[in-house]
Amino acid sequence: MTTSPTVRYFLSYSSIKLPLNLVNEINEADLNHRNFYYRGVFDDQGRLSHCQKIVYNEVESEHYYRYHDSGRLVWAQVIEDGEAREIDC
């Protein structure tokens, strides 16, 4: 049985490696007090599958991730400034 993805919000990330490691989780109610934040979508296994950097209510950049059954990252797409880059991991 699959469950719906979980959306969570964060202030930052702590790694330059993919997938990003989102940190300092905040509540959705706190978003009105932020100029920027990260919106993370997590799959039913708790892995980050989609991440958006939101600045002044606009999507500034996005990451999409796919994983092997073992949990290892196998593919990523990074979208910044309207350009998409795909990365085989």
N, C-alpha and C. Protein backbone atom coordinates (compact mmCIF):
# COMPACT_ATOMS: atom_id res chain seq x y z
N MET A 1 0.84 -1.19 0.00
CA MET A 1 0.00 0.00 0.00
C MET A 1 0.88 1.24 0.00
N THR A 2 0.62 2.16 -0.90
CA THR A 2 1.38 3.40 -0.96
C THR A 2 0.60 4.50 -0.26
N THR A 3 1.35 5.37 0.38
CA THR A 3 0.72 6.51 1.04
C THR A 3 1.04 7.77 0.27
N SER A 4 0.33 8.81 0.58
CA SER A 4 0.58 10.10 -0.06
C SER A 4 1.93 10.65 0.37
N PRO A 5 2.57 11.42 -0.50
CA PRO A 5 3.84 12.04 -0.11
C PRO A 5 3.62 13.01 1.06
N THR A 6 4.64 13.19 1.83
CA THR A 6 4.60 14.10 2.98
C THR A 6 5.35 15.38 2.62
N VAL A 7 4.73 16.53 2.85
CA VAL A 7 5.37 17.82 2.60
C VAL A 7 5.78 18.41 3.94
N ARG A 8 7.07 18.82 4.01
CA ARG A 8 7.61 19.45 5.22
C ARG A 8 8.41 20.68 4.81
N TYR A 9 8.64 21.60 5.75
CA TYR A 9 9.27 22.88 5.47
C TYR A 9 10.51 23.06 6.34
N PHE A 10 11.54 23.67 5.75
CA PHE A 10 12.84 23.80 6.41
C PHE A 10 13.45 25.17 6.15
N LEU A 11 14.39 25.56 7.01
CA LEU A 11 15.08 26.84 6.86
C LEU A 11 16.35 26.74 6.03
N SER A 12 16.95 25.55 5.97
CA SER A 12 18.24 25.45 5.30
C SER A 12 18.55 24.00 4.95
N TYR A 13 19.76 23.78 4.44
CA TYR A 13 20.27 22.43 4.21
C TYR A 13 21.72 22.40 4.67
N SER A 14 22.24 21.18 4.92
CA SER A 14 23.56 21.09 5.55
C SER A 14 24.60 20.33 4.74
N SER A 15 24.33 20.06 3.48
CA SER A 15 25.28 19.27 2.71
C SER A 15 25.34 19.78 1.28
N ILE A 16 26.50 19.63 0.65
CA ILE A 16 26.59 19.99 -0.76
C ILE A 16 26.36 18.77 -1.64
N LYS A 17 26.32 17.58 -1.02
CA LYS A 17 26.07 16.35 -1.75
C LYS A 17 24.57 16.18 -1.98
N LEU A 18 24.23 15.45 -3.02
CA LEU A 18 22.83 15.15 -3.30
C LEU A 18 22.47 13.80 -2.71
N PRO A 19 21.26 13.64 -2.22
CA PRO A 19 20.22 14.64 -2.11
C PRO A 19 20.53 15.63 -1.00
N LEU A 20 19.96 16.82 -1.12
CA LEU A 20 20.17 17.81 -0.08
C LEU A 20 19.68 17.27 1.26
N ASN A 21 20.35 17.66 2.32
CA ASN A 21 19.95 17.29 3.68
C ASN A 21 19.27 18.50 4.30
N LEU A 22 17.95 18.55 4.24
CA LEU A 22 17.21 19.69 4.76
C LEU A 22 17.24 19.69 6.28
N VAL A 23 17.46 20.88 6.87
CA VAL A 23 17.60 21.01 8.33
C VAL A 23 16.76 22.18 8.84
N ASN A 24 16.60 22.21 10.15
CA ASN A 24 15.85 23.25 10.86
C ASN A 24 14.41 23.32 10.37
N GLU A 25 13.67 22.24 10.65
CA GLU A 25 12.28 22.15 10.22
C GLU A 25 11.43 23.21 10.91
N ILE A 26 10.48 23.76 10.16
CA ILE A 26 9.53 24.74 10.68
C ILE A 26 8.12 24.27 10.35
N ASN A 27 7.15 24.83 11.06
CA ASN A 27 5.75 24.52 10.82
C ASN A 27 5.22 25.34 9.66
N GLU A 28 4.22 24.81 8.99
CA GLU A 28 3.60 25.52 7.88
C GLU A 28 3.07 26.88 8.33
N ALA A 29 2.60 26.97 9.56
CA ALA A 29 2.07 28.23 10.09
C ALA A 29 3.14 29.32 10.16
N ASP A 30 4.40 28.93 10.25
CA ASP A 30 5.51 29.90 10.36
C ASP A 30 5.96 30.44 9.01
N LEU A 31 5.43 29.94 7.90
CA LEU A 31 5.88 30.36 6.58
C LEU A 31 5.59 31.82 6.29
N ASN A 32 4.54 32.37 6.87
CA ASN A 32 4.18 33.77 6.63
C ASN A 32 5.25 34.73 7.15
N HIS A 33 6.09 34.25 8.04
CA HIS A 33 7.12 35.10 8.66
C HIS A 33 8.50 34.90 8.02
N ARG A 34 8.55 34.22 6.89
CA ARG A 34 9.82 33.89 6.25
C ARG A 34 9.91 34.50 4.87
N ASN A 35 11.09 35.03 4.50
CA ASN A 35 11.34 35.50 3.14
C ASN A 35 11.70 34.33 2.23
N PHE A 36 12.33 33.31 2.80
CA PHE A 36 12.66 32.12 2.01
C PHE A 36 12.62 30.90 2.91
N TYR A 37 12.40 29.76 2.28
CA TYR A 37 12.40 28.49 2.98
C TYR A 37 12.50 27.38 1.93
N TYR A 38 12.67 26.16 2.40
CA TYR A 38 12.72 24.99 1.52
C TYR A 38 11.49 24.13 1.78
N ARG A 39 10.84 23.71 0.70
CA ARG A 39 9.70 22.81 0.80
C ARG A 39 10.18 21.44 0.32
N GLY A 40 10.12 20.46 1.20
CA GLY A 40 10.57 19.11 0.86
C GLY A 40 9.39 18.16 0.77
N VAL A 41 9.37 17.37 -0.29
CA VAL A 41 8.36 16.33 -0.46
C VAL A 41 9.06 14.99 -0.24
N PHE A 42 8.55 14.20 0.69
CA PHE A 42 9.16 12.95 1.08
C PHE A 42 8.26 11.78 0.68
N ASP A 43 8.88 10.72 0.17
CA ASP A 43 8.11 9.55 -0.25
C ASP A 43 7.70 8.73 0.97
N ASP A 44 7.01 7.62 0.72
CA ASP A 44 6.50 6.80 1.82
C ASP A 44 7.60 6.08 2.59
N GLN A 45 8.84 6.16 2.11
CA GLN A 45 9.98 5.60 2.84
C GLN A 45 10.80 6.69 3.52
N GLY A 46 10.31 7.92 3.50
CA GLY A 46 10.98 9.02 4.18
C GLY A 46 12.11 9.65 3.40
N ARG A 47 12.24 9.31 2.11
CA ARG A 47 13.32 9.87 1.29
C ARG A 47 12.84 11.14 0.60
N LEU A 48 13.72 12.12 0.52
CA LEU A 48 13.40 13.37 -0.17
C LEU A 48 13.28 13.10 -1.66
N SER A 49 12.11 13.37 -2.23
CA SER A 49 11.90 13.12 -3.66
C SER A 49 11.82 14.41 -4.47
N HIS A 50 11.46 15.50 -3.84
CA HIS A 50 11.33 16.79 -4.54
C HIS A 50 11.60 17.88 -3.51
N CYS A 51 12.39 18.85 -3.91
CA CYS A 51 12.73 19.95 -3.02
C CYS A 51 12.64 21.26 -3.79
N GLN A 52 12.04 22.26 -3.18
CA GLN A 52 11.94 23.58 -3.80
C GLN A 52 12.50 24.63 -2.84
N LYS A 53 13.29 25.55 -3.38
CA LYS A 53 13.69 26.72 -2.61
C LYS A 53 12.70 27.81 -2.97
N ILE A 54 11.98 28.30 -1.96
CA ILE A 54 10.95 29.32 -2.15
C ILE A 54 11.49 30.65 -1.63
N VAL A 55 11.52 31.67 -2.49
CA VAL A 55 11.99 33.00 -2.11
C VAL A 55 10.89 33.99 -2.47
N TYR A 56 10.42 34.73 -1.46
CA TYR A 56 9.32 35.67 -1.65
C TYR A 56 8.16 35.03 -2.42
N ASN A 57 7.78 33.84 -1.97
CA ASN A 57 6.64 33.08 -2.51
C ASN A 57 6.81 32.62 -3.96
N GLU A 58 8.02 32.66 -4.48
CA GLU A 58 8.30 32.18 -5.84
C GLU A 58 9.31 31.03 -5.77
N VAL A 59 9.16 30.05 -6.63
CA VAL A 59 10.11 28.93 -6.68
C VAL A 59 11.38 29.42 -7.36
N GLU A 60 12.49 29.41 -6.62
CA GLU A 60 13.78 29.85 -7.17
C GLU A 60 14.57 28.70 -7.77
N SER A 61 14.49 27.54 -7.14
CA SER A 61 15.18 26.36 -7.67
C SER A 61 14.44 25.11 -7.20
N GLU A 62 14.69 24.00 -7.93
CA GLU A 62 14.03 22.74 -7.60
C GLU A 62 15.00 21.59 -7.80
N HIS A 63 14.81 20.56 -7.01
CA HIS A 63 15.54 19.30 -7.15
C HIS A 63 14.51 18.18 -7.17
N TYR A 64 14.73 17.22 -8.07
CA TYR A 64 13.94 15.99 -8.11
C TYR A 64 14.91 14.83 -7.95
N TYR A 65 14.51 13.81 -7.19
CA TYR A 65 15.39 12.68 -6.92
C TYR A 65 14.67 11.35 -7.18
N ARG A 66 15.45 10.37 -7.66
CA ARG A 66 14.98 8.98 -7.79
C ARG A 66 16.00 8.08 -7.12
N TYR A 67 15.48 7.03 -6.50
CA TYR A 67 16.31 6.13 -5.71
C TYR A 67 16.20 4.70 -6.21
N HIS A 68 17.26 3.95 -6.01
CA HIS A 68 17.25 2.50 -6.25
C HIS A 68 16.47 1.86 -5.11
N ASP A 69 15.99 0.65 -5.31
CA ASP A 69 15.27 -0.07 -4.26
C ASP A 69 16.07 -0.18 -2.97
N SER A 70 17.40 -0.16 -3.10
CA SER A 70 18.27 -0.24 -1.93
C SER A 70 18.31 1.06 -1.13
N GLY A 71 17.77 2.14 -1.71
CA GLY A 71 17.78 3.44 -1.04
C GLY A 71 18.84 4.38 -1.56
N ARG A 72 19.72 3.89 -2.42
CA ARG A 72 20.81 4.72 -2.97
C ARG A 72 20.24 5.65 -4.04
N LEU A 73 20.68 6.89 -4.03
CA LEU A 73 20.27 7.86 -5.05
C LEU A 73 20.83 7.43 -6.40
N VAL A 74 19.98 7.39 -7.43
CA VAL A 74 20.45 6.99 -8.76
C VAL A 74 20.29 8.09 -9.80
N TRP A 75 19.45 9.09 -9.54
CA TRP A 75 19.20 10.13 -10.54
C TRP A 75 18.74 11.39 -9.82
N ALA A 76 19.17 12.53 -10.34
CA ALA A 76 18.72 13.82 -9.81
C ALA A 76 18.54 14.79 -10.97
N GLN A 77 17.60 15.68 -10.81
CA GLN A 77 17.41 16.79 -11.74
C GLN A 77 17.42 18.07 -10.92
N VAL A 78 18.26 19.01 -11.33
CA VAL A 78 18.37 20.30 -10.65
C VAL A 78 17.93 21.37 -11.64
N ILE A 79 16.97 22.18 -11.22
CA ILE A 79 16.45 23.25 -12.07
C ILE A 79 16.75 24.58 -11.39
N GLU A 80 17.56 25.41 -12.06
CA GLU A 80 17.93 26.73 -11.56
C GLU A 80 17.95 27.70 -12.73
N ASP A 81 17.43 28.89 -12.52
CA ASP A 81 17.43 29.92 -13.57
C ASP A 81 16.82 29.41 -14.87
N GLY A 82 15.81 28.57 -14.78
CA GLY A 82 15.11 28.07 -15.95
C GLY A 82 15.86 26.98 -16.70
N GLU A 83 17.01 26.57 -16.21
CA GLU A 83 17.78 25.51 -16.86
C GLU A 83 17.76 24.25 -16.01
N ALA A 84 17.52 23.12 -16.68
CA ALA A 84 17.48 21.84 -15.99
C ALA A 84 18.74 21.05 -16.30
N ARG A 85 19.33 20.46 -15.26
CA ARG A 85 20.48 19.57 -15.41
C ARG A 85 20.10 18.23 -14.81
N GLU A 86 20.36 17.17 -15.56
CA GLU A 86 20.13 15.82 -15.04
C GLU A 86 21.46 15.20 -14.66
N ILE A 87 21.45 14.48 -13.55
CA ILE A 87 22.67 13.89 -13.02
C ILE A 87 22.39 12.41 -12.74
N ASP A 88 23.16 11.54 -13.36
CA ASP A 88 23.11 10.12 -13.03
C ASP A 88 24.09 9.90 -11.90
N CYS A 89 23.61 9.34 -10.83
CA CYS A 89 24.45 9.18 -9.62
C CYS A 89 25.02 7.78 -9.52
